[in-house]
Amino acid sequence: MRKNQAKIELDTTLQFDINDARKGAEVHRQTRRYIQEIIKPGIDLAWLCDEIERSNKMLLESNGLKAGWAFPTGVSINECAAHYTCNPGDSVILK
């Protein structure tokens, strides 16, 4: 009987994790679609990062999700693959 209860609890926990991942994936998908429409050479990266975070916040709040960011928005330019984050006052332009 105990094994069954432990399995049920584990399955329930995993289902919550899967649903949370699905919600996060949907926010990512919608934000990515929006950003792909506006990104172009000449855009200030700090503005772009702010726009990504604004979009995420809007989607999270509009869906009533009690969630947030795990990491700051990262961008990739040349040798700074995926681990560069614009700081306030940075003036980096996308070429």
PDB file of N, CA and C in Angstrom:
ATOM      1  N   MET A   1       0.821  -1.202   0.000  1.00  0.00           N
ATOM      2  CA  MET A   1       0.000   0.000   0.000  1.00  0.00           C
ATOM      3  C   MET A   1       0.862   1.263   0.000  1.00  0.00           C
ATOM      4  N   ARG A   2       1.944   1.241   0.759  1.00  0.00           N
ATOM      5  CA  ARG A   2       2.824   2.408   0.818  1.00  0.00           C
ATOM      6  C   ARG A   2       3.469   2.715  -0.525  1.00  0.00           C
ATOM      7  N   LYS A   3       3.882   1.682  -1.251  1.00  0.00           N
ATOM      8  CA  LYS A   3       4.503   1.888  -2.565  1.00  0.00           C
ATOM      9  C   LYS A   3       3.526   2.563  -3.513  1.00  0.00           C
ATOM     10  N   ASN A   4       2.280   2.126  -3.476  1.00  0.00           N
ATOM     11  CA  ASN A   4       1.257   2.720  -4.333  1.00  0.00           C
ATOM     12  C   ASN A   4       1.079   4.202  -4.027  1.00  0.00           C
ATOM     13  N   GLN A   5       1.020   4.555  -2.743  1.00  0.00           N
ATOM     14  CA  GLN A   5       0.843   5.956  -2.345  1.00  0.00           C
ATOM     15  C   GLN A   5       2.040   6.790  -2.794  1.00  0.00           C
ATOM     16  N   ALA A   6       3.240   6.269  -2.629  1.00  0.00           N
ATOM     17  CA  ALA A   6       4.445   6.978  -3.056  1.00  0.00           C
ATOM     18  C   ALA A   6       4.435   7.188  -4.562  1.00  0.00           C
ATOM     19  N   LYS A   7       3.998   6.187  -5.314  1.00  0.00           N
ATOM     20  CA  LYS A   7       3.935   6.313  -6.774  1.00  0.00           C
ATOM     21  C   LYS A   7       2.908   7.363  -7.185  1.00  0.00           C
ATOM     22  N   ILE A   8       1.765   7.373  -6.520  1.00  0.00           N
ATOM     23  CA  ILE A   8       0.728   8.369  -6.823  1.00  0.00           C
ATOM     24  C   ILE A   8       1.254   9.775  -6.547  1.00  0.00           C
ATOM     25  N   GLU A   9       1.922   9.951  -5.423  1.00  0.00           N
ATOM     26  CA  GLU A   9       2.484  11.266  -5.083  1.00  0.00           C
ATOM     27  C   GLU A   9       3.549  11.684  -6.092  1.00  0.00           C
ATOM     28  N   LEU A  10       4.396  10.771  -6.502  1.00  0.00           N
ATOM     29  CA  LEU A  10       5.424  11.070  -7.497  1.00  0.00           C
ATOM     30  C   LEU A  10       4.785  11.440  -8.827  1.00  0.00           C
ATOM     31  N   ASP A  11       3.788  10.680  -9.261  1.00  0.00           N
ATOM     32  CA  ASP A  11       3.092  10.982 -10.518  1.00  0.00           C
ATOM     33  C   ASP A  11       2.440  12.358 -10.469  1.00  0.00           C
ATOM     34  N   THR A  12       1.846  12.694  -9.342  1.00  0.00           N
ATOM     35  CA  THR A  12       1.199  14.002  -9.176  1.00  0.00           C
ATOM     36  C   THR A  12       2.231  15.113  -9.257  1.00  0.00           C
ATOM     37  N   THR A  13       3.345  14.945  -8.580  1.00  0.00           N
ATOM     38  CA  THR A  13       4.419  15.942  -8.614  1.00  0.00           C
ATOM     39  C   THR A  13       4.959  16.109 -10.031  1.00  0.00           C
ATOM     40  N   LEU A  14       5.192  15.006 -10.712  1.00  0.00           N
ATOM     41  CA  LEU A  14       5.696  15.081 -12.084  1.00  0.00           C
ATOM     42  C   LEU A  14       4.700  15.766 -12.997  1.00  0.00           C
ATOM     43  N   GLN A  15       3.409  15.532 -12.793  1.00  0.00           N
ATOM     44  CA  GLN A  15       2.386  16.170 -13.628  1.00  0.00           C
ATOM     45  C   GLN A  15       2.413  17.683 -13.440  1.00  0.00           C
ATOM     46  N   PHE A  16       2.604  18.147 -12.188  1.00  0.00           N
ATOM     47  CA  PHE A  16       2.722  19.586 -11.943  1.00  0.00           C
ATOM     48  C   PHE A  16       3.939  20.142 -12.660  1.00  0.00           C
ATOM     49  N   ASP A  17       5.071  19.439 -12.599  1.00  0.00           N
ATOM     50  CA  ASP A  17       6.293  19.880 -13.270  1.00  0.00           C
ATOM     51  C   ASP A  17       6.085  19.955 -14.778  1.00  0.00           C
ATOM     52  N   ILE A  18       5.441  18.960 -15.354  1.00  0.00           N
ATOM     53  CA  ILE A  18       5.192  18.941 -16.797  1.00  0.00           C
ATOM     54  C   ILE A  18       4.289  20.100 -17.189  1.00  0.00           C
ATOM     55  N   ASN A  19       3.248  20.358 -16.419  1.00  0.00           N
ATOM     56  CA  ASN A  19       2.337  21.466 -16.733  1.00  0.00           C
ATOM     57  C   ASN A  19       3.049  22.808 -16.621  1.00  0.00           C
ATOM     58  N   ASP A  20       3.915  22.978 -15.611  1.00  0.00           N
ATOM     59  CA  ASP A  20       4.688  24.214 -15.473  1.00  0.00           C
ATOM     60  C   ASP A  20       5.605  24.399 -16.678  1.00  0.00           C
ATOM     61  N   ALA A  21       6.251  23.330 -17.125  1.00  0.00           N
ATOM     62  CA  ALA A  21       7.133  23.408 -18.291  1.00  0.00           C
ATOM     63  C   ALA A  21       6.338  23.779 -19.542  1.00  0.00           C
ATOM     64  N   ARG A  22       5.141  23.245 -19.686  1.00  0.00           N
ATOM     65  CA  ARG A  22       4.296  23.581 -20.840  1.00  0.00           C
ATOM     66  C   ARG A  22       3.905  25.050 -20.827  1.00  0.00           C
ATOM     67  N   LYS A  23       3.554  25.578 -19.664  1.00  0.00           N
ATOM     68  CA  LYS A  23       3.198  26.996 -19.559  1.00  0.00           C
ATOM     69  C   LYS A  23       4.398  27.868 -19.929  1.00  0.00           C
ATOM     70  N   GLY A  24       5.571  27.513 -19.409  1.00  0.00           N
ATOM     71  CA  GLY A  24       6.779  28.266 -19.735  1.00  0.00           C
ATOM     72  C   GLY A  24       7.110  28.195 -21.214  1.00  0.00           C
ATOM     73  N   ALA A  25       6.924  27.036 -21.807  1.00  0.00           N
ATOM     74  CA  ALA A  25       7.194  26.869 -23.245  1.00  0.00           C
ATOM     75  C   ALA A  25       6.250  27.729 -24.078  1.00  0.00           C
ATOM     76  N   GLU A  26       5.010  27.848 -23.652  1.00  0.00           N
ATOM     77  CA  GLU A  26       4.044  28.668 -24.400  1.00  0.00           C
ATOM     78  C   GLU A  26       4.393  30.155 -24.317  1.00  0.00           C
ATOM     79  N   VAL A  27       4.805  30.621 -23.147  1.00  0.00           N
ATOM     80  CA  VAL A  27       5.247  32.009 -23.014  1.00  0.00           C
ATOM     81  C   VAL A  27       6.462  32.243 -23.906  1.00  0.00           C
ATOM     82  N   HIS A  28       7.393  31.304 -23.912  1.00  0.00           N
ATOM     83  CA  HIS A  28       8.588  31.419 -24.752  1.00  0.00           C
ATOM     84  C   HIS A  28       8.205  31.464 -26.230  1.00  0.00           C
ATOM     85  N   ARG A  29       7.301  30.610 -26.642  1.00  0.00           N
ATOM     86  CA  ARG A  29       6.880  30.549 -28.042  1.00  0.00           C
ATOM     87  C   ARG A  29       6.259  31.872 -28.490  1.00  0.00           C
ATOM     88  N   GLN A  30       5.369  32.412 -27.668  1.00  0.00           N
ATOM     89  CA  GLN A  30       4.697  33.657 -28.042  1.00  0.00           C
ATOM     90  C   GLN A  30       5.660  34.837 -28.048  1.00  0.00           C
ATOM     91  N   THR A  31       6.556  34.892 -27.073  1.00  0.00           N
ATOM     92  CA  THR A  31       7.547  35.973 -27.037  1.00  0.00           C
ATOM     93  C   THR A  31       8.483  35.875 -28.233  1.00  0.00           C
ATOM     94  N   ARG A  32       8.933  34.662 -28.543  1.00  0.00           N
ATOM     95  CA  ARG A  32       9.832  34.470 -29.694  1.00  0.00           C
ATOM     96  C   ARG A  32       9.155  34.921 -30.983  1.00  0.00           C
ATOM     97  N   ARG A  33       7.891  34.576 -31.167  1.00  0.00           N
ATOM     98  CA  ARG A  33       7.158  34.974 -32.375  1.00  0.00           C
ATOM     99  C   ARG A  33       7.095  36.498 -32.482  1.00  0.00           C
ATOM    100  N   TYR A  34       6.785  37.164 -31.378  1.00  0.00           N
ATOM    101  CA  TYR A  34       6.700  38.622 -31.370  1.00  0.00           C
ATOM    102  C   TYR A  34       8.057  39.251 -31.694  1.00  0.00           C
ATOM    103  N   ILE A  35       9.113  38.785 -31.053  1.00  0.00           N
ATOM    104  CA  ILE A  35      10.447  39.368 -31.255  1.00  0.00           C
ATOM    105  C   ILE A  35      10.929  39.142 -32.685  1.00  0.00           C
ATOM    106  N   GLN A  36      10.620  37.996 -33.271  1.00  0.00           N
ATOM    107  CA  GLN A  36      11.031  37.735 -34.657  1.00  0.00           C
ATOM    108  C   GLN A  36      10.406  38.740 -35.618  1.00  0.00           C
ATOM    109  N   GLU A  37       9.264  39.313 -35.255  1.00  0.00           N
ATOM    110  CA  GLU A  37       8.625  40.310 -36.111  1.00  0.00           C
ATOM    111  C   GLU A  37       9.306  41.675 -36.028  1.00  0.00           C
ATOM    112  N   ILE A  38       9.960  41.986 -34.900  1.00  0.00           N
ATOM    113  CA  ILE A  38      10.513  43.333 -34.730  1.00  0.00           C
ATOM    114  C   ILE A  38      12.039  43.402 -34.798  1.00  0.00           C
ATOM    115  N   ILE A  39      12.713  42.267 -34.698  1.00  0.00           N
ATOM    116  CA  ILE A  39      14.173  42.307 -34.670  1.00  0.00           C
ATOM    117  C   ILE A  39      14.723  42.597 -36.064  1.00  0.00           C
ATOM    118  N   LYS A  40      15.716  43.482 -36.104  1.00  0.00           N
ATOM    119  CA  LYS A  40      16.356  43.847 -37.368  1.00  0.00           C
ATOM    120  C   LYS A  40      17.672  44.557 -37.061  1.00  0.00           C
ATOM    121  N   PRO A  41      18.556  44.620 -38.043  1.00  0.00           N
ATOM    122  CA  PRO A  41      19.811  45.344 -37.823  1.00  0.00           C
ATOM    123  C   PRO A  41      19.530  46.792 -37.424  1.00  0.00           C
ATOM    124  N   GLY A  42      20.347  47.294 -36.511  1.00  0.00           N
ATOM    125  CA  GLY A  42      20.211  48.670 -36.046  1.00  0.00           C
ATOM    126  C   GLY A  42      19.467  48.792 -34.721  1.00  0.00           C
ATOM    127  N   ILE A  43      18.901  47.698 -34.235  1.00  0.00           N
ATOM    128  CA  ILE A  43      18.169  47.737 -32.962  1.00  0.00           C
ATOM    129  C   ILE A  43      19.160  47.760 -31.805  1.00  0.00           C
ATOM    130  N   ASP A  44      18.867  48.580 -30.823  1.00  0.00           N
ATOM    131  CA  ASP A  44      19.651  48.640 -29.596  1.00  0.00           C
ATOM    132  C   ASP A  44      19.344  47.386 -28.773  1.00  0.00           C
ATOM    133  N   LEU A  45      20.382  46.645 -28.372  1.00  0.00           N
ATOM    134  CA  LEU A  45      20.171  45.383 -27.660  1.00  0.00           C
ATOM    135  C   LEU A  45      19.549  45.576 -26.284  1.00  0.00           C
ATOM    136  N   ALA A  46      19.872  46.662 -25.602  1.00  0.00           N
ATOM    137  CA  ALA A  46      19.243  46.906 -24.298  1.00  0.00           C
ATOM    138  C   ALA A  46      17.739  47.084 -24.479  1.00  0.00           C
ATOM    139  N   TRP A  47      17.329  47.813 -25.518  1.00  0.00           N
ATOM    140  CA  TRP A  47      15.909  47.977 -25.811  1.00  0.00           C
ATOM    141  C   TRP A  47      15.276  46.631 -26.133  1.00  0.00           C
ATOM    142  N   LEU A  48      15.972  45.806 -26.935  1.00  0.00           N
ATOM    143  CA  LEU A  48      15.446  44.491 -27.311  1.00  0.00           C
ATOM    144  C   LEU A  48      15.246  43.612 -26.069  1.00  0.00           C
ATOM    145  N   CYS A  49      16.232  43.592 -25.171  1.00  0.00           N
ATOM    146  CA  CYS A  49      16.096  42.811 -23.935  1.00  0.00           C
ATOM    147  C   CYS A  49      14.927  43.319 -23.093  1.00  0.00           C
ATOM    148  N   ASP A  50      14.773  44.633 -22.997  1.00  0.00           N
ATOM    149  CA  ASP A  50      13.630  45.200 -22.267  1.00  0.00           C
ATOM    150  C   ASP A  50      12.316  44.767 -22.909  1.00  0.00           C
ATOM    151  N   GLU A  51      12.271  44.751 -24.227  1.00  0.00           N
ATOM    152  CA  GLU A  51      11.062  44.360 -24.949  1.00  0.00           C
ATOM    153  C   GLU A  51      10.737  42.880 -24.723  1.00  0.00           C
ATOM    154  N   ILE A  52      11.759  42.045 -24.697  1.00  0.00           N
ATOM    155  CA  ILE A  52      11.555  40.618 -24.414  1.00  0.00           C
ATOM    156  C   ILE A  52      10.980  40.451 -23.007  1.00  0.00           C
ATOM    157  N   GLU A  53      11.557  41.140 -22.042  1.00  0.00           N
ATOM    158  CA  GLU A  53      11.086  41.016 -20.668  1.00  0.00           C
ATOM    159  C   GLU A  53       9.693  41.621 -20.498  1.00  0.00           C
ATOM    160  N   ARG A  54       9.390  42.705 -21.197  1.00  0.00           N
ATOM    161  CA  ARG A  54       8.054  43.296 -21.140  1.00  0.00           C
ATOM    162  C   ARG A  54       7.028  42.310 -21.686  1.00  0.00           C
ATOM    163  N   SER A  55       7.366  41.659 -22.800  1.00  0.00           N
ATOM    164  CA  SER A  55       6.469  40.679 -23.405  1.00  0.00           C
ATOM    165  C   SER A  55       6.244  39.500 -22.457  1.00  0.00           C
ATOM    166  N   ASN A  56       7.311  38.996 -21.860  1.00  0.00           N
ATOM    167  CA  ASN A  56       7.186  37.894 -20.904  1.00  0.00           C
ATOM    168  C   ASN A  56       6.281  38.278 -19.739  1.00  0.00           C
ATOM    169  N   LYS A  57       6.525  39.455 -19.186  1.00  0.00           N
ATOM    170  CA  LYS A  57       5.739  39.907 -18.035  1.00  0.00           C
ATOM    171  C   LYS A  57       4.263  40.014 -18.405  1.00  0.00           C
ATOM    172  N   MET A  58       3.977  40.591 -19.563  1.00  0.00           N
ATOM    173  CA  MET A  58       2.596  40.738 -20.008  1.00  0.00           C
ATOM    174  C   MET A  58       1.930  39.368 -20.148  1.00  0.00           C
ATOM    175  N   LEU A  59       2.621  38.420 -20.775  1.00  0.00           N
ATOM    176  CA  LEU A  59       2.048  37.085 -20.974  1.00  0.00           C
ATOM    177  C   LEU A  59       1.845  36.361 -19.647  1.00  0.00           C
ATOM    178  N   LEU A  60       2.805  36.481 -18.747  1.00  0.00           N
ATOM    179  CA  LEU A  60       2.676  35.819 -17.448  1.00  0.00           C
ATOM    180  C   LEU A  60       1.503  36.395 -16.655  1.00  0.00           C
ATOM    181  N   GLU A  61       1.399  37.718 -16.644  1.00  0.00           N
ATOM    182  CA  GLU A  61       0.325  38.350 -15.880  1.00  0.00           C
ATOM    183  C   GLU A  61      -1.041  38.108 -16.510  1.00  0.00           C
ATOM    184  N   SER A  62      -1.117  38.155 -17.832  1.00  0.00           N
ATOM    185  CA  SER A  62      -2.412  37.997 -18.489  1.00  0.00           C
ATOM    186  C   SER A  62      -2.967  36.587 -18.326  1.00  0.00           C
ATOM    187  N   ASN A  63      -2.093  35.624 -18.118  1.00  0.00           N
ATOM    188  CA  ASN A  63      -2.538  34.250 -17.909  1.00  0.00           C
ATOM    189  C   ASN A  63      -2.681  33.907 -16.432  1.00  0.00           C
ATOM    190  N   GLY A  64      -2.478  34.903 -15.574  1.00  0.00           N
ATOM    191  CA  GLY A  64      -2.607  34.662 -14.147  1.00  0.00           C
ATOM    192  C   GLY A  64      -1.563  33.709 -13.596  1.00  0.00           C
ATOM    193  N   LEU A  65      -0.440  33.595 -14.284  1.00  0.00           N
ATOM    194  CA  LEU A  65       0.594  32.667 -13.827  1.00  0.00           C
ATOM    195  C   LEU A  65       1.374  33.266 -12.664  1.00  0.00           C
ATOM    196  N   LYS A  66       1.597  32.484 -11.678  1.00  0.00           N
ATOM    197  CA  LYS A  66       2.427  32.887 -10.538  1.00  0.00           C
ATOM    198  C   LYS A  66       3.835  32.395 -10.850  1.00  0.00           C
ATOM    199  N   ALA A  67       4.513  33.141 -11.713  1.00  0.00           N
ATOM    200  CA  ALA A  67       5.814  32.699 -12.192  1.00  0.00           C
ATOM    201  C   ALA A  67       6.692  33.910 -12.473  1.00  0.00           C
ATOM    202  N   GLY A  68       7.937  33.649 -12.774  1.00  0.00           N
ATOM    203  CA  GLY A  68       8.853  34.718 -13.104  1.00  0.00           C
ATOM    204  C   GLY A  68      10.028  34.189 -13.896  1.00  0.00           C
ATOM    205  N   TRP A  69      11.084  34.978 -13.940  1.00  0.00           N
ATOM    206  CA  TRP A  69      12.256  34.612 -14.712  1.00  0.00           C
ATOM    207  C   TRP A  69      13.210  33.775 -13.872  1.00  0.00           C
ATOM    208  N   ALA A  70      13.816  32.813 -14.525  1.00  0.00           N
ATOM    209  CA  ALA A  70      14.857  32.041 -13.862  1.00  0.00           C
ATOM    210  C   ALA A  70      16.215  32.707 -14.079  1.00  0.00           C
ATOM    211  N   PHE A  71      16.376  33.370 -15.208  1.00  0.00           N
ATOM    212  CA  PHE A  71      17.629  34.013 -15.577  1.00  0.00           C
ATOM    213  C   PHE A  71      17.317  35.337 -16.259  1.00  0.00           C
ATOM    214  N   PRO A  72      18.271  36.280 -16.245  1.00  0.00           N
ATOM    215  CA  PRO A  72      18.053  37.500 -17.031  1.00  0.00           C
ATOM    216  C   PRO A  72      18.039  37.154 -18.516  1.00  0.00           C
ATOM    217  N   THR A  73      17.421  37.999 -19.298  1.00  0.00           N
ATOM    218  CA  THR A  73      17.380  37.775 -20.734  1.00  0.00           C
ATOM    219  C   THR A  73      18.799  37.793 -21.282  1.00  0.00           C
ATOM    220  N   GLY A  74      19.151  36.758 -22.019  1.00  0.00           N
ATOM    221  CA  GLY A  74      20.483  36.653 -22.609  1.00  0.00           C
ATOM    222  C   GLY A  74      20.406  36.789 -24.115  1.00  0.00           C
ATOM    223  N   VAL A  75      21.419  37.383 -24.684  1.00  0.00           N
ATOM    224  CA  VAL A  75      21.513  37.520 -26.132  1.00  0.00           C
ATOM    225  C   VAL A  75      22.868  37.010 -26.591  1.00  0.00           C
ATOM    226  N   SER A  76      22.964  36.684 -27.841  1.00  0.00           N
ATOM    227  CA  SER A  76      24.218  36.174 -28.394  1.00  0.00           C
ATOM    228  C   SER A  76      24.731  37.107 -29.470  1.00  0.00           C
ATOM    229  N   ILE A  77      25.974  37.500 -29.336  1.00  0.00           N
ATOM    230  CA  ILE A  77      26.647  38.271 -30.382  1.00  0.00           C
ATOM    231  C   ILE A  77      28.051  37.707 -30.503  1.00  0.00           C
ATOM    232  N   ASN A  78      28.347  37.201 -31.675  1.00  0.00           N
ATOM    233  CA  ASN A  78      29.672  36.669 -31.959  1.00  0.00           C
ATOM    234  C   ASN A  78      30.155  35.701 -30.886  1.00  0.00           C
ATOM    235  N   GLU A  79      31.244  36.064 -30.184  1.00  0.00           N
ATOM    236  CA  GLU A  79      31.861  35.138 -29.235  1.00  0.00           C
ATOM    237  C   GLU A  79      31.108  35.054 -27.898  1.00  0.00           C
ATOM    238  N   CYS A  80      30.135  35.897 -27.678  1.00  0.00           N
ATOM    239  CA  CYS A  80      29.363  35.890 -26.430  1.00  0.00           C
ATOM    240  C   CYS A  80      28.084  35.085 -26.627  1.00  0.00           C
ATOM    241  N   ALA A  81      28.222  33.811 -26.866  1.00  0.00           N
ATOM    242  CA  ALA A  81      27.080  32.958 -27.197  1.00  0.00           C
ATOM    243  C   ALA A  81      26.193  32.713 -25.990  1.00  0.00           C
ATOM    244  N   ALA A  82      25.016  33.317 -26.002  1.00  0.00           N
ATOM    245  CA  ALA A  82      23.924  33.073 -25.054  1.00  0.00           C
ATOM    246  C   ALA A  82      24.178  33.515 -23.621  1.00  0.00           C
ATOM    247  N   HIS A  83      25.312  34.085 -23.318  1.00  0.00           N
ATOM    248  CA  HIS A  83      25.571  34.460 -21.931  1.00  0.00           C
ATOM    249  C   HIS A  83      25.845  35.942 -21.763  1.00  0.00           C
ATOM    250  N   TYR A  84      25.446  36.740 -22.718  1.00  0.00           N
ATOM    251  CA  TYR A  84      25.616  38.184 -22.615  1.00  0.00           C
ATOM    252  C   TYR A  84      24.271  38.790 -22.231  1.00  0.00           C
ATOM    253  N   THR A  85      24.289  39.630 -21.232  1.00  0.00           N
ATOM    254  CA  THR A  85      23.084  40.340 -20.824  1.00  0.00           C
ATOM    255  C   THR A  85      23.401  41.823 -20.825  1.00  0.00           C
ATOM    256  N   CYS A  86      22.572  42.596 -21.487  1.00  0.00           N
ATOM    257  CA  CYS A  86      22.764  44.040 -21.519  1.00  0.00           C
ATOM    258  C   CYS A  86      22.531  44.623 -20.134  1.00  0.00           C
ATOM    259  N   ASN A  87      23.402  45.512 -19.738  1.00  0.00           N
ATOM    260  CA  ASN A  87      23.231  46.245 -18.490  1.00  0.00           C
ATOM    261  C   ASN A  87      22.623  47.605 -18.792  1.00  0.00           C
ATOM    262  N   PRO A  88      21.926  48.198 -17.838  1.00  0.00           N
ATOM    263  CA  PRO A  88      21.394  49.543 -18.083  1.00  0.00           C
ATOM    264  C   PRO A  88      22.517  50.483 -18.512  1.00  0.00           C
ATOM    265  N   GLY A  89      22.263  51.230 -19.541  1.00  0.00           N
ATOM    266  CA  GLY A  89      23.258  52.161 -20.053  1.00  0.00           C
ATOM    267  C   GLY A  89      24.144  51.608 -21.139  1.00  0.00           C
ATOM    268  N   ASP A  90      24.119  50.280 -21.363  1.00  0.00           N
ATOM    269  CA  ASP A  90      24.879  49.683 -22.472  1.00  0.00           C
ATOM    270  C   ASP A  90      24.354  50.237 -23.784  1.00  0.00           C
ATOM    271  N   SER A  91      25.270  50.445 -24.708  1.00  0.00           N
ATOM    272  CA  SER A  91      24.865  50.943 -26.017  1.00  0.00           C
ATOM    273  C   SER A  91      25.428  50.014 -27.087  1.00  0.00           C
ATOM    274  N   VAL A  92      24.827  48.848 -27.214  1.00  0.00           N
ATOM    275  CA  VAL A  92      25.257  47.865 -28.202  1.00  0.00           C
ATOM    276  C   VAL A  92      24.156  47.786 -29.255  1.00  0.00           C
ATOM    277  N   ILE A  93      24.546  47.954 -30.502  1.00  0.00           N
ATOM    278  CA  ILE A  93      23.598  47.940 -31.599  1.00  0.00           C
ATOM    279  C   ILE A  93      23.753  46.643 -32.377  1.00  0.00           C
ATOM    280  N   LEU A  94      22.647  46.009 -32.700  1.00  0.00           N
ATOM    281  CA  LEU A  94      22.654  44.793 -33.502  1.00  0.00           C
ATOM    282  C   LEU A  94      23.016  45.137 -34.932  1.00  0.00           C
ATOM    283  N   LYS A  95      24.010  44.433 -35.462  1.00  0.00           N
ATOM    284  CA  LYS A  95      24.442  44.700 -36.840  1.00  0.00           C
ATOM    285  C   LYS A  95      23.864  43.708 -37.800  1.00  0.00           C
TER     286      LYS A  95
END
